[in-house]
Amino acid sequence: QVQLVESGGGLVQAGGSLRLSCAASGRTFSSYAMGWFRQAPGKERECVAAISWSGGKRYYSDFVKGRFTISRDNAKNTVYLQMRSLKPEDTAVYYCAADSSSSDYVLFEYSYWGQGTQVTVSS
């Protein structure tokens, strides 16, 4: 069982930056692949970025590539999402997700989810 707690959301102007953090419980964090998803009102949840358990493999959706960076610190049981050049269309609730993985690959389906953190980008 893994518990995930996101933080770092807030209100920012277009062009600004935010860094989201996701703290995970449990002693096996280093064997979990992690992902960040977002859901805007009236829209489906979409994958933003994902990272393998070693951090050696990363995925970015086209709409954030070059602006967002996913990283992890296995010693701190934390995964991060650095967001730069934010746009109003990035406004959404951002969720952290985790799942165990026997291979060092990114995942797109997850068993464990955080409660989400709101990111609002004003124009």
PDB file of N, CA and C in Angstrom:
ATOM      1  N   GLN A   1       0.850  -1.192   0.000  1.00  0.00           N
ATOM      2  CA  GLN A   1       0.000   0.000   0.000  1.00  0.00           C
ATOM      3  C   GLN A   1       0.881   1.235   0.000  1.00  0.00           C
ATOM      4  N   VAL A   2       0.556   2.181  -0.844  1.00  0.00           N
ATOM      5  CA  VAL A   2       1.301   3.432  -0.936  1.00  0.00           C
ATOM      6  C   VAL A   2       0.324   4.586  -0.765  1.00  0.00           C
ATOM      7  N   GLN A   3       0.698   5.537   0.052  1.00  0.00           N
ATOM      8  CA  GLN A   3      -0.085   6.765   0.192  1.00  0.00           C
ATOM      9  C   GLN A   3       0.688   7.913  -0.423  1.00  0.00           C
ATOM     10  N   LEU A   4      -0.002   8.736  -1.202  1.00  0.00           N
ATOM     11  CA  LEU A   4       0.626   9.821  -1.934  1.00  0.00           C
ATOM     12  C   LEU A   4      -0.007  11.144  -1.523  1.00  0.00           C
ATOM     13  N   VAL A   5       0.824  12.139  -1.269  1.00  0.00           N
ATOM     14  CA  VAL A   5       0.335  13.456  -0.883  1.00  0.00           C
ATOM     15  C   VAL A   5       1.009  14.502  -1.756  1.00  0.00           C
ATOM     16  N   GLU A   6       0.205  15.188  -2.563  1.00  0.00           N
ATOM     17  CA  GLU A   6       0.727  16.237  -3.430  1.00  0.00           C
ATOM     18  C   GLU A   6       0.735  17.584  -2.708  1.00  0.00           C
ATOM     19  N   SER A   7       1.635  18.446  -3.127  1.00  0.00           N
ATOM     20  CA  SER A   7       1.695  19.811  -2.619  1.00  0.00           C
ATOM     21  C   SER A   7       2.337  20.685  -3.684  1.00  0.00           C
ATOM     22  N   GLY A   8       2.208  22.004  -3.483  1.00  0.00           N
ATOM     23  CA  GLY A   8       2.875  22.946  -4.374  1.00  0.00           C
ATOM     24  C   GLY A   8       1.977  23.624  -5.383  1.00  0.00           C
ATOM     25  N   GLY A   9       0.717  23.246  -5.422  1.00  0.00           N
ATOM     26  CA  GLY A   9      -0.189  23.905  -6.348  1.00  0.00           C
ATOM     27  C   GLY A   9      -0.499  25.324  -5.894  1.00  0.00           C
ATOM     28  N   GLY A  10      -1.183  26.061  -6.762  1.00  0.00           N
ATOM     29  CA  GLY A  10      -1.545  27.427  -6.406  1.00  0.00           C
ATOM     30  C   GLY A  10      -1.943  28.220  -7.620  1.00  0.00           C
ATOM     31  N   LEU A  11      -2.000  29.537  -7.428  1.00  0.00           N
ATOM     32  CA  LEU A  11      -2.367  30.472  -8.484  1.00  0.00           C
ATOM     33  C   LEU A  11      -1.107  31.162  -8.992  1.00  0.00           C
ATOM     34  N   VAL A  12      -0.933  31.173 -10.301  1.00  0.00           N
ATOM     35  CA  VAL A  12       0.243  31.781 -10.896  1.00  0.00           C
ATOM     36  C   VAL A  12      -0.170  32.462 -12.195  1.00  0.00           C
ATOM     37  N   GLN A  13       0.539  33.509 -12.550  1.00  0.00           N
ATOM     38  CA  GLN A  13       0.256  34.190 -13.813  1.00  0.00           C
ATOM     39  C   GLN A  13       0.846  33.419 -14.986  1.00  0.00           C
ATOM     40  N   ALA A  14       0.276  33.612 -16.140  1.00  0.00           N
ATOM     41  CA  ALA A  14       0.804  32.983 -17.354  1.00  0.00           C
ATOM     42  C   ALA A  14       2.277  33.351 -17.527  1.00  0.00           C
ATOM     43  N   GLY A  15       3.060  32.356 -17.893  1.00  0.00           N
ATOM     44  CA  GLY A  15       4.497  32.550 -18.021  1.00  0.00           C
ATOM     45  C   GLY A  15       5.274  32.232 -16.767  1.00  0.00           C
ATOM     46  N   GLY A  16       4.564  32.039 -15.670  1.00  0.00           N
ATOM     47  CA  GLY A  16       5.214  31.748 -14.398  1.00  0.00           C
ATOM     48  C   GLY A  16       5.558  30.282 -14.232  1.00  0.00           C
ATOM     49  N   SER A  17       6.055  29.966 -13.035  1.00  0.00           N
ATOM     50  CA  SER A  17       6.506  28.607 -12.734  1.00  0.00           C
ATOM     51  C   SER A  17       5.940  28.125 -11.405  1.00  0.00           C
ATOM     52  N   LEU A  18       5.802  26.823 -11.300  1.00  0.00           N
ATOM     53  CA  LEU A  18       5.445  26.161 -10.047  1.00  0.00           C
ATOM     54  C   LEU A  18       6.180  24.830 -10.005  1.00  0.00           C
ATOM     55  N   ARG A  19       6.434  24.359  -8.791  1.00  0.00           N
ATOM     56  CA  ARG A  19       6.981  23.018  -8.632  1.00  0.00           C
ATOM     57  C   ARG A  19       6.055  22.212  -7.738  1.00  0.00           C
ATOM     58  N   LEU A  20       5.529  21.153  -8.283  1.00  0.00           N
ATOM     59  CA  LEU A  20       4.691  20.247  -7.510  1.00  0.00           C
ATOM     60  C   LEU A  20       5.559  19.151  -6.895  1.00  0.00           C
ATOM     61  N   SER A  21       5.182  18.749  -5.702  1.00  0.00           N
ATOM     62  CA  SER A  21       5.853  17.650  -5.022  1.00  0.00           C
ATOM     63  C   SER A  21       4.829  16.581  -4.679  1.00  0.00           C
ATOM     64  N   CYS A  22       5.274  15.352  -4.652  1.00  0.00           N
ATOM     65  CA  CYS A  22       4.425  14.236  -4.258  1.00  0.00           C
ATOM     66  C   CYS A  22       5.238  13.361  -3.316  1.00  0.00           C
ATOM     67  N   ALA A  23       4.836  13.367  -2.056  1.00  0.00           N
ATOM     68  CA  ALA A  23       5.518  12.567  -1.043  1.00  0.00           C
ATOM     69  C   ALA A  23       4.811  11.228  -0.901  1.00  0.00           C
ATOM     70  N   ALA A  24       5.588  10.160  -0.939  1.00  0.00           N
ATOM     71  CA  ALA A  24       5.018   8.822  -0.869  1.00  0.00           C
ATOM     72  C   ALA A  24       5.414   8.131   0.426  1.00  0.00           C
ATOM     73  N   SER A  25       4.489   7.379   0.966  1.00  0.00           N
ATOM     74  CA  SER A  25       4.791   6.572   2.146  1.00  0.00           C
ATOM     75  C   SER A  25       5.323   5.216   1.692  1.00  0.00           C
ATOM     76  N   GLY A  26       5.876   4.472   2.620  1.00  0.00           N
ATOM     77  CA  GLY A  26       6.324   3.129   2.272  1.00  0.00           C
ATOM     78  C   GLY A  26       7.811   3.049   2.033  1.00  0.00           C
ATOM     79  N   ARG A  27       8.334   1.831   2.215  1.00  0.00           N
ATOM     80  CA  ARG A  27       9.768   1.626   2.107  1.00  0.00           C
ATOM     81  C   ARG A  27      10.201   1.142   0.745  1.00  0.00           C
ATOM     82  N   THR A  28       9.238   0.981  -0.177  1.00  0.00           N
ATOM     83  CA  THR A  28       9.584   0.436  -1.482  1.00  0.00           C
ATOM     84  C   THR A  28       9.412   1.460  -2.591  1.00  0.00           C
ATOM     85  N   PHE A  29       9.499   2.736  -2.229  1.00  0.00           N
ATOM     86  CA  PHE A  29       9.283   3.805  -3.209  1.00  0.00           C
ATOM     87  C   PHE A  29      10.217   3.648  -4.401  1.00  0.00           C
ATOM     88  N   SER A  30      11.419   3.221  -4.155  1.00  0.00           N
ATOM     89  CA  SER A  30      12.400   3.136  -5.235  1.00  0.00           C
ATOM     90  C   SER A  30      12.049   2.069  -6.272  1.00  0.00           C
ATOM     91  N   SER A  31      11.076   1.223  -5.989  1.00  0.00           N
ATOM     92  CA  SER A  31      10.649   0.213  -6.961  1.00  0.00           C
ATOM     93  C   SER A  31       9.336   0.595  -7.634  1.00  0.00           C
ATOM     94  N   TYR A  32       8.878   1.831  -7.401  1.00  0.00           N
ATOM     95  CA  TYR A  32       7.620   2.293  -7.966  1.00  0.00           C
ATOM     96  C   TYR A  32       7.862   3.240  -9.147  1.00  0.00           C
ATOM     97  N   ALA A  33       7.197   2.975 -10.246  1.00  0.00           N
ATOM     98  CA  ALA A  33       7.115   3.959 -11.303  1.00  0.00           C
ATOM     99  C   ALA A  33       6.098   5.020 -10.881  1.00  0.00           C
ATOM    100  N   MET A  34       6.335   6.256 -11.299  1.00  0.00           N
ATOM    101  CA  MET A  34       5.495   7.369 -10.865  1.00  0.00           C
ATOM    102  C   MET A  34       5.004   8.162 -12.063  1.00  0.00           C
ATOM    103  N   GLY A  35       3.873   8.804 -11.863  1.00  0.00           N
ATOM    104  CA  GLY A  35       3.345   9.630 -12.940  1.00  0.00           C
ATOM    105  C   GLY A  35       2.615  10.843 -12.397  1.00  0.00           C
ATOM    106  N   TRP A  36       2.514  11.847 -13.240  1.00  0.00           N
ATOM    107  CA  TRP A  36       1.689  13.021 -12.955  1.00  0.00           C
ATOM    108  C   TRP A  36       0.592  13.084 -14.011  1.00  0.00           C
ATOM    109  N   PHE A  37      -0.633  13.295 -13.547  1.00  0.00           N
ATOM    110  CA  PHE A  37      -1.795  13.426 -14.410  1.00  0.00           C
ATOM    111  C   PHE A  37      -2.483  14.744 -14.072  1.00  0.00           C
ATOM    112  N   ARG A  38      -3.368  15.174 -14.946  1.00  0.00           N
ATOM    113  CA  ARG A  38      -4.156  16.357 -14.632  1.00  0.00           C
ATOM    114  C   ARG A  38      -5.566  16.192 -15.202  1.00  0.00           C
ATOM    115  N   GLN A  39      -6.484  16.901 -14.575  1.00  0.00           N
ATOM    116  CA  GLN A  39      -7.867  16.887 -15.031  1.00  0.00           C
ATOM    117  C   GLN A  39      -8.444  18.277 -14.892  1.00  0.00           C
ATOM    118  N   ALA A  40      -8.839  18.835 -16.013  1.00  0.00           N
ATOM    119  CA  ALA A  40      -9.490  20.138 -16.033  1.00  0.00           C
ATOM    120  C   ALA A  40     -11.004  19.940 -15.998  1.00  0.00           C
ATOM    121  N   PRO A  41     -11.751  20.937 -15.545  1.00  0.00           N
ATOM    122  CA  PRO A  41     -13.216  20.800 -15.477  1.00  0.00           C
ATOM    123  C   PRO A  41     -13.800  20.432 -16.830  1.00  0.00           C
ATOM    124  N   GLY A  42     -14.634  19.388 -16.826  1.00  0.00           N
ATOM    125  CA  GLY A  42     -15.297  18.972 -18.048  1.00  0.00           C
ATOM    126  C   GLY A  42     -14.439  18.178 -18.998  1.00  0.00           C
ATOM    127  N   LYS A  43     -13.208  17.883 -18.597  1.00  0.00           N
ATOM    128  CA  LYS A  43     -12.298  17.135 -19.461  1.00  0.00           C
ATOM    129  C   LYS A  43     -11.874  15.835 -18.793  1.00  0.00           C
ATOM    130  N   GLU A  44     -11.381  14.917 -19.607  1.00  0.00           N
ATOM    131  CA  GLU A  44     -10.889  13.660 -19.079  1.00  0.00           C
ATOM    132  C   GLU A  44      -9.505  13.851 -18.461  1.00  0.00           C
ATOM    133  N   ARG A  45      -9.185  12.967 -17.539  1.00  0.00           N
ATOM    134  CA  ARG A  45      -7.854  12.992 -16.954  1.00  0.00           C
ATOM    135  C   ARG A  45      -6.833  12.584 -18.006  1.00  0.00           C
ATOM    136  N   GLU A  46      -5.699  13.273 -18.014  1.00  0.00           N
ATOM    137  CA  GLU A  46      -4.672  13.002 -19.010  1.00  0.00           C
ATOM    138  C   GLU A  46      -3.310  12.909 -18.350  1.00  0.00           C
ATOM    139  N   CYS A  47      -2.464  12.078 -18.940  1.00  0.00           N
ATOM    140  CA  CYS A  47      -1.120  11.917 -18.414  1.00  0.00           C
ATOM    141  C   CYS A  47      -0.267  13.101 -18.825  1.00  0.00           C
ATOM    142  N   VAL A  48       0.427  13.677 -17.873  1.00  0.00           N
ATOM    143  CA  VAL A  48       1.306  14.811 -18.124  1.00  0.00           C
ATOM    144  C   VAL A  48       2.750  14.340 -18.298  1.00  0.00           C
ATOM    145  N   ALA A  49       3.191  13.520 -17.360  1.00  0.00           N
ATOM    146  CA  ALA A  49       4.575  13.041 -17.387  1.00  0.00           C
ATOM    147  C   ALA A  49       4.668  11.771 -16.557  1.00  0.00           C
ATOM    148  N   ALA A  50       5.689  10.974 -16.840  1.00  0.00           N
ATOM    149  CA  ALA A  50       5.897   9.742 -16.092  1.00  0.00           C
ATOM    150  C   ALA A  50       7.390   9.476 -15.988  1.00  0.00           C
ATOM    151  N   ILE A  51       7.756   8.726 -14.928  1.00  0.00           N
ATOM    152  CA  ILE A  51       9.165   8.446 -14.698  1.00  0.00           C
ATOM    153  C   ILE A  51       9.315   7.028 -14.174  1.00  0.00           C
ATOM    154  N   SER A  52      10.351   6.344 -14.622  1.00  0.00           N
ATOM    155  CA  SER A  52      10.593   4.978 -14.169  1.00  0.00           C
ATOM    156  C   SER A  52      11.176   4.988 -12.758  1.00  0.00           C
ATOM    157  N   TRP A  53      11.293   3.800 -12.151  1.00  0.00           N
ATOM    158  CA  TRP A  53      11.692   3.793 -10.745  1.00  0.00           C
ATOM    159  C   TRP A  53      13.132   4.260 -10.542  1.00  0.00           C
ATOM    160  N   SER A  54      13.983   4.109 -11.531  1.00  0.00           N
ATOM    161  CA  SER A  54      15.350   4.607 -11.393  1.00  0.00           C
ATOM    162  C   SER A  54      15.466   6.076 -11.771  1.00  0.00           C
ATOM    163  N   GLY A  55      14.467   6.593 -12.464  1.00  0.00           N
ATOM    164  CA  GLY A  55      14.548   7.945 -13.000  1.00  0.00           C
ATOM    165  C   GLY A  55      15.204   8.002 -14.352  1.00  0.00           C
ATOM    166  N   GLY A  56      15.649   6.854 -14.843  1.00  0.00           N
ATOM    167  CA  GLY A  56      16.377   6.824 -16.094  1.00  0.00           C
ATOM    168  C   GLY A  56      15.511   6.947 -17.329  1.00  0.00           C
ATOM    169  N   LYS A  57      14.235   6.688 -17.189  1.00  0.00           N
ATOM    170  CA  LYS A  57      13.313   6.801 -18.322  1.00  0.00           C
ATOM    171  C   LYS A  57      12.202   7.761 -17.958  1.00  0.00           C
ATOM    172  N   ARG A  58      11.903   8.658 -18.871  1.00  0.00           N
ATOM    173  CA  ARG A  58      10.884   9.670 -18.626  1.00  0.00           C
ATOM    174  C   ARG A  58      10.022   9.812 -19.860  1.00  0.00           C
ATOM    175  N   TYR A  59       8.796  10.191 -19.618  1.00  0.00           N
ATOM    176  CA  TYR A  59       7.826  10.450 -20.692  1.00  0.00           C
ATOM    177  C   TYR A  59       7.194  11.801 -20.436  1.00  0.00           C
ATOM    178  N   TYR A  60       6.948  12.544 -21.519  1.00  0.00           N
ATOM    179  CA  TYR A  60       6.216  13.815 -21.439  1.00  0.00           C
ATOM    180  C   TYR A  60       5.165  13.838 -22.526  1.00  0.00           C
ATOM    181  N   SER A  61       4.010  14.340 -22.178  1.00  0.00           N
ATOM    182  CA  SER A  61       3.002  14.544 -23.194  1.00  0.00           C
ATOM    183  C   SER A  61       3.439  15.691 -24.090  1.00  0.00           C
ATOM    184  N   ASP A  62       2.912  15.708 -25.298  1.00  0.00           N
ATOM    185  CA  ASP A  62       3.312  16.751 -26.249  1.00  0.00           C
ATOM    186  C   ASP A  62       2.985  18.143 -25.746  1.00  0.00           C
ATOM    187  N   PHE A  63       1.917  18.271 -24.986  1.00  0.00           N
ATOM    188  CA  PHE A  63       1.498  19.618 -24.594  1.00  0.00           C
ATOM    189  C   PHE A  63       2.332  20.198 -23.445  1.00  0.00           C
ATOM    190  N   VAL A  64       3.236  19.408 -22.856  1.00  0.00           N
ATOM    191  CA  VAL A  64       4.101  19.963 -21.808  1.00  0.00           C
ATOM    192  C   VAL A  64       5.586  19.798 -22.128  1.00  0.00           C
ATOM    193  N   LYS A  65       5.879  19.079 -23.202  1.00  0.00           N
ATOM    194  CA  LYS A  65       7.270  18.815 -23.544  1.00  0.00           C
ATOM    195  C   LYS A  65       8.033  20.121 -23.730  1.00  0.00           C
ATOM    196  N   GLY A  66       9.175  20.204 -23.079  1.00  0.00           N
ATOM    197  CA  GLY A  66       9.990  21.414 -23.146  1.00  0.00           C
ATOM    198  C   GLY A  66       9.654  22.444 -22.092  1.00  0.00           C
ATOM    199  N   ARG A  67       8.535  22.264 -21.397  1.00  0.00           N
ATOM    200  CA  ARG A  67       8.133  23.222 -20.347  1.00  0.00           C
ATOM    201  C   ARG A  67       8.136  22.584 -18.963  1.00  0.00           C
ATOM    202  N   PHE A  68       7.793  21.310 -18.877  1.00  0.00           N
ATOM    203  CA  PHE A  68       7.708  20.609 -17.600  1.00  0.00           C
ATOM    204  C   PHE A  68       8.848  19.599 -17.481  1.00  0.00           C
ATOM    205  N   THR A  69       9.288  19.372 -16.239  1.00  0.00           N
ATOM    206  CA  THR A  69      10.319  18.371 -15.972  1.00  0.00           C
ATOM    207  C   THR A  69       9.892  17.511 -14.794  1.00  0.00           C
ATOM    208  N   ILE A  70       9.884  16.206 -14.996  1.00  0.00           N
ATOM    209  CA  ILE A  70       9.588  15.284 -13.905  1.00  0.00           C
ATOM    210  C   ILE A  70      10.906  14.742 -13.369  1.00  0.00           C
ATOM    211  N   SER A  71      10.981  14.627 -12.047  1.00  0.00           N
ATOM    212  CA  SER A  71      12.180  14.082 -11.424  1.00  0.00           C
ATOM    213  C   SER A  71      11.774  13.383 -10.132  1.00  0.00           C
ATOM    214  N   ARG A  72      12.707  12.652  -9.564  1.00  0.00           N
ATOM    215  CA  ARG A  72      12.404  11.956  -8.318  1.00  0.00           C
ATOM    216  C   ARG A  72      13.649  11.891  -7.461  1.00  0.00           C
ATOM    217  N   ASP A  73      13.409  11.819  -6.159  1.00  0.00           N
ATOM    218  CA  ASP A  73      14.476  11.657  -5.174  1.00  0.00           C
ATOM    219  C   ASP A  73      14.083  10.442  -4.347  1.00  0.00           C
ATOM    220  N   ASN A  74      14.663   9.299  -4.659  1.00  0.00           N
ATOM    221  CA  ASN A  74      14.269   8.067  -3.963  1.00  0.00           C
ATOM    222  C   ASN A  74      14.664   8.084  -2.486  1.00  0.00           C
ATOM    223  N   ALA A  75      15.675   8.847  -2.141  1.00  0.00           N
ATOM    224  CA  ALA A  75      16.064   8.950  -0.734  1.00  0.00           C
ATOM    225  C   ALA A  75      15.025   9.708   0.083  1.00  0.00           C
ATOM    226  N   LYS A  76      14.265  10.572  -0.590  1.00  0.00           N
ATOM    227  CA  LYS A  76      13.238  11.358   0.089  1.00  0.00           C
ATOM    228  C   LYS A  76      11.828  10.862  -0.214  1.00  0.00           C
ATOM    229  N   ASN A  77      11.728   9.750  -0.965  1.00  0.00           N
ATOM    230  CA  ASN A  77      10.403   9.218  -1.326  1.00  0.00           C
ATOM    231  C   ASN A  77       9.521  10.284  -1.973  1.00  0.00           C
ATOM    232  N   THR A  78      10.097  11.066  -2.860  1.00  0.00           N
ATOM    233  CA  THR A  78       9.373  12.196  -3.430  1.00  0.00           C
ATOM    234  C   THR A  78       9.595  12.268  -4.939  1.00  0.00           C
ATOM    235  N   VAL A  79       8.526  12.600  -5.640  1.00  0.00           N
ATOM    236  CA  VAL A  79       8.610  12.876  -7.062  1.00  0.00           C
ATOM    237  C   VAL A  79       8.170  14.321  -7.277  1.00  0.00           C
ATOM    238  N   TYR A  80       8.778  14.966  -8.244  1.00  0.00           N
ATOM    239  CA  TYR A  80       8.530  16.384  -8.492  1.00  0.00           C
ATOM    240  C   TYR A  80       8.043  16.606  -9.919  1.00  0.00           C
ATOM    241  N   LEU A  81       7.332  17.710 -10.088  1.00  0.00           N
ATOM    242  CA  LEU A  81       6.987  18.175 -11.422  1.00  0.00           C
ATOM    243  C   LEU A  81       7.280  19.665 -11.462  1.00  0.00           C
ATOM    244  N   GLN A  82       8.373  20.015 -12.120  1.00  0.00           N
ATOM    245  CA  GLN A  82       8.729  21.418 -12.305  1.00  0.00           C
ATOM    246  C   GLN A  82       8.007  21.923 -13.537  1.00  0.00           C
ATOM    247  N   MET A  83       7.211  22.956 -13.360  1.00  0.00           N
ATOM    248  CA  MET A  83       6.404  23.497 -14.447  1.00  0.00           C
ATOM    249  C   MET A  83       6.845  24.925 -14.746  1.00  0.00           C
ATOM    250  N   ARG A  84       7.207  25.175 -15.971  1.00  0.00           N
ATOM    251  CA  ARG A  84       7.656  26.501 -16.405  1.00  0.00           C
ATOM    252  C   ARG A  84       6.802  26.978 -17.568  1.00  0.00           C
ATOM    253  N   SER A  85       6.881  28.266 -17.835  1.00  0.00           N
ATOM    254  CA  SER A  85       6.133  28.849 -18.964  1.00  0.00           C
ATOM    255  C   SER A  85       4.679  28.398 -18.943  1.00  0.00           C
ATOM    256  N   LEU A  86       4.077  28.508 -17.791  1.00  0.00           N
ATOM    257  CA  LEU A  86       2.713  28.033 -17.623  1.00  0.00           C
ATOM    258  C   LEU A  86       1.736  28.831 -18.470  1.00  0.00           C
ATOM    259  N   LYS A  87       0.720  28.125 -18.943  1.00  0.00           N
ATOM    260  CA  LYS A  87      -0.309  28.715 -19.785  1.00  0.00           C
ATOM    261  C   LYS A  87      -1.669  28.555 -19.103  1.00  0.00           C
ATOM    262  N   PRO A  88      -2.624  29.396 -19.425  1.00  0.00           N
ATOM    263  CA  PRO A  88      -3.965  29.223 -18.828  1.00  0.00           C
ATOM    264  C   PRO A  88      -4.537  27.831 -19.070  1.00  0.00           C
ATOM    265  N   GLU A  89      -4.214  27.223 -20.188  1.00  0.00           N
ATOM    266  CA  GLU A  89      -4.732  25.877 -20.472  1.00  0.00           C
ATOM    267  C   GLU A  89      -4.078  24.787 -19.609  1.00  0.00           C
ATOM    268  N   ASP A  90      -3.073  25.140 -18.823  1.00  0.00           N
ATOM    269  CA  ASP A  90      -2.501  24.197 -17.873  1.00  0.00           C
ATOM    270  C   ASP A  90      -3.315  24.130 -16.577  1.00  0.00           C
ATOM    271  N   THR A  91      -4.306  24.994 -16.458  1.00  0.00           N
ATOM    272  CA  THR A  91      -5.148  25.008 -15.268  1.00  0.00           C
ATOM    273  C   THR A  91      -5.876  23.679 -15.118  1.00  0.00           C
ATOM    274  N   ALA A  92      -5.710  23.049 -13.969  1.00  0.00           N
ATOM    275  CA  ALA A  92      -6.301  21.731 -13.724  1.00  0.00           C
ATOM    276  C   ALA A  92      -5.965  21.291 -12.304  1.00  0.00           C
ATOM    277  N   VAL A  93      -6.594  20.199 -11.890  1.00  0.00           N
ATOM    278  CA  VAL A  93      -6.153  19.501 -10.690  1.00  0.00           C
ATOM    279  C   VAL A  93      -5.083  18.504 -11.124  1.00  0.00           C
ATOM    280  N   TYR A  94      -3.957  18.559 -10.467  1.00  0.00           N
ATOM    281  CA  TYR A  94      -2.844  17.683 -10.812  1.00  0.00           C
ATOM    282  C   TYR A  94      -2.745  16.557  -9.786  1.00  0.00           C
ATOM    283  N   TYR A  95      -2.634  15.339 -10.301  1.00  0.00           N
ATOM    284  CA  TYR A  95      -2.590  14.153  -9.466  1.00  0.00           C
ATOM    285  C   TYR A  95      -1.271  13.418  -9.643  1.00  0.00           C
ATOM    286  N   CYS A  96      -0.793  12.892  -8.542  1.00  0.00           N
ATOM    287  CA  CYS A  96       0.379  12.021  -8.539  1.00  0.00           C
ATOM    288  C   CYS A  96      -0.116  10.581  -8.508  1.00  0.00           C
ATOM    289  N   ALA A  97       0.578   9.683  -9.193  1.00  0.00           N
ATOM    290  CA  ALA A  97       0.186   8.285  -9.232  1.00  0.00           C
ATOM    291  C   ALA A  97       1.419   7.402  -9.111  1.00  0.00           C
ATOM    292  N   ALA A  98       1.201   6.192  -8.591  1.00  0.00           N
ATOM    293  CA  ALA A  98       2.315   5.264  -8.378  1.00  0.00           C
ATOM    294  C   ALA A  98       1.874   3.837  -8.603  1.00  0.00           C
ATOM    295  N   ASP A  99       2.818   3.024  -9.030  1.00  0.00           N
ATOM    296  CA  ASP A  99       2.581   1.589  -9.093  1.00  0.00           C
ATOM    297  C   ASP A  99       3.917   0.878  -9.120  1.00  0.00           C
ATOM    298  N   SER A 100       3.926  -0.319  -8.571  1.00  0.00           N
ATOM    299  CA  SER A 100       5.164  -1.089  -8.575  1.00  0.00           C
ATOM    300  C   SER A 100       5.457  -1.570  -9.989  1.00  0.00           C
ATOM    301  N   SER A 101       6.717  -1.716 -10.262  1.00  0.00           N
ATOM    302  CA  SER A 101       7.119  -2.133 -11.602  1.00  0.00           C
ATOM    303  C   SER A 101       8.329  -3.046 -11.506  1.00  0.00           C
ATOM    304  N   SER A 102       8.249  -4.184 -12.159  1.00  0.00           N
ATOM    305  CA  SER A 102       9.367  -5.121 -12.126  1.00  0.00           C
ATOM    306  C   SER A 102      10.472  -4.711 -13.092  1.00  0.00           C
ATOM    307  N   SER A 103      10.130  -3.851 -14.009  1.00  0.00           N
ATOM    308  CA  SER A 103      11.104  -3.375 -14.985  1.00  0.00           C
ATOM    309  C   SER A 103      11.227  -1.863 -14.893  1.00  0.00           C
ATOM    310  N   ASP A 104      12.339  -1.340 -15.308  1.00  0.00           N
ATOM    311  CA  ASP A 104      12.601   0.090 -15.207  1.00  0.00           C
ATOM    312  C   ASP A 104      12.028   0.824 -16.416  1.00  0.00           C
ATOM    313  N   TYR A 105      10.675   0.809 -16.486  1.00  0.00           N
ATOM    314  CA  TYR A 105       9.983   1.479 -17.574  1.00  0.00           C
ATOM    315  C   TYR A 105       8.951   2.442 -17.007  1.00  0.00           C
ATOM    316  N   VAL A 106       8.541   3.393 -17.802  1.00  0.00           N
ATOM    317  CA  VAL A 106       7.442   4.254 -17.385  1.00  0.00           C
ATOM    318  C   VAL A 106       6.131   3.472 -17.526  1.00  0.00           C
ATOM    319  N   LEU A 107       5.160   3.865 -16.723  1.00  0.00           N
ATOM    320  CA  LEU A 107       3.835   3.254 -16.779  1.00  0.00           C
ATOM    321  C   LEU A 107       2.806   4.305 -17.149  1.00  0.00           C
ATOM    322  N   PHE A 108       1.658   3.850 -17.624  1.00  0.00           N
ATOM    323  CA  PHE A 108       0.566   4.759 -17.944  1.00  0.00           C
ATOM    324  C   PHE A 108      -0.717   4.371 -17.225  1.00  0.00           C
ATOM    325  N   GLU A 109      -0.675   3.265 -16.495  1.00  0.00           N
ATOM    326  CA  GLU A 109      -1.793   2.866 -15.641  1.00  0.00           C
ATOM    327  C   GLU A 109      -1.242   2.641 -14.245  1.00  0.00           C
ATOM    328  N   TYR A 110      -1.976   3.149 -13.250  1.00  0.00           N
ATOM    329  CA  TYR A 110      -1.472   3.148 -11.886  1.00  0.00           C
ATOM    330  C   TYR A 110      -2.537   2.674 -10.898  1.00  0.00           C
ATOM    331  N   SER A 111      -2.058   2.084  -9.808  1.00  0.00           N
ATOM    332  CA  SER A 111      -2.971   1.588  -8.773  1.00  0.00           C
ATOM    333  C   SER A 111      -3.198   2.597  -7.658  1.00  0.00           C
ATOM    334  N   TYR A 112      -2.231   3.451  -7.417  1.00  0.00           N
ATOM    335  CA  TYR A 112      -2.294   4.368  -6.273  1.00  0.00           C
ATOM    336  C   TYR A 112      -2.309   5.811  -6.757  1.00  0.00           C
ATOM    337  N   TRP A 113      -3.176   6.596  -6.112  1.00  0.00           N
ATOM    338  CA  TRP A 113      -3.377   7.986  -6.520  1.00  0.00           C
ATOM    339  C   TRP A 113      -3.398   8.898  -5.305  1.00  0.00           C
ATOM    340  N   GLY A 114      -2.894  10.115  -5.504  1.00  0.00           N
ATOM    341  CA  GLY A 114      -3.007  11.130  -4.474  1.00  0.00           C
ATOM    342  C   GLY A 114      -4.345  11.847  -4.581  1.00  0.00           C
ATOM    343  N   GLN A 115      -4.553  12.822  -3.692  1.00  0.00           N
ATOM    344  CA  GLN A 115      -5.830  13.526  -3.645  1.00  0.00           C
ATOM    345  C   GLN A 115      -5.886  14.692  -4.627  1.00  0.00           C
ATOM    346  N   GLY A 116      -4.748  15.070  -5.160  1.00  0.00           N
ATOM    347  CA  GLY A 116      -4.709  16.140  -6.147  1.00  0.00           C
ATOM    348  C   GLY A 116      -4.382  17.490  -5.551  1.00  0.00           C
ATOM    349  N   THR A 117      -3.817  18.356  -6.381  1.00  0.00           N
ATOM    350  CA  THR A 117      -3.527  19.729  -5.988  1.00  0.00           C
ATOM    351  C   THR A 117      -3.923  20.640  -7.142  1.00  0.00           C
ATOM    352  N   GLN A 118      -4.578  21.747  -6.814  1.00  0.00           N
ATOM    353  CA  GLN A 118      -5.110  22.638  -7.840  1.00  0.00           C
ATOM    354  C   GLN A 118      -4.011  23.564  -8.359  1.00  0.00           C
ATOM    355  N   VAL A 119      -3.914  23.653  -9.664  1.00  0.00           N
ATOM    356  CA  VAL A 119      -3.036  24.624 -10.323  1.00  0.00           C
ATOM    357  C   VAL A 119      -3.927  25.526 -11.181  1.00  0.00           C
ATOM    358  N   THR A 120      -3.826  26.814 -10.926  1.00  0.00           N
ATOM    359  CA  THR A 120      -4.611  27.781 -11.680  1.00  0.00           C
ATOM    360  C   THR A 120      -3.667  28.803 -12.302  1.00  0.00           C
ATOM    361  N   VAL A 121      -3.757  28.946 -13.619  1.00  0.00           N
ATOM    362  CA  VAL A 121      -2.896  29.877 -14.340  1.00  0.00           C
ATOM    363  C   VAL A 121      -3.773  30.986 -14.907  1.00  0.00           C
ATOM    364  N   SER A 122      -3.515  32.200 -14.465  1.00  0.00           N
ATOM    365  CA  SER A 122      -4.311  33.337 -14.917  1.00  0.00           C
ATOM    366  C   SER A 122      -3.652  33.984 -16.133  1.00  0.00           C
ATOM    367  N   SER A 123      -4.496  34.531 -16.997  1.00  0.00           N
ATOM    368  CA  SER A 123      -3.978  35.159 -18.228  1.00  0.00           C
ATOM    369  C   SER A 123      -3.687  36.629 -18.012  1.00  0.00           C
TER     370      SER A 123
END
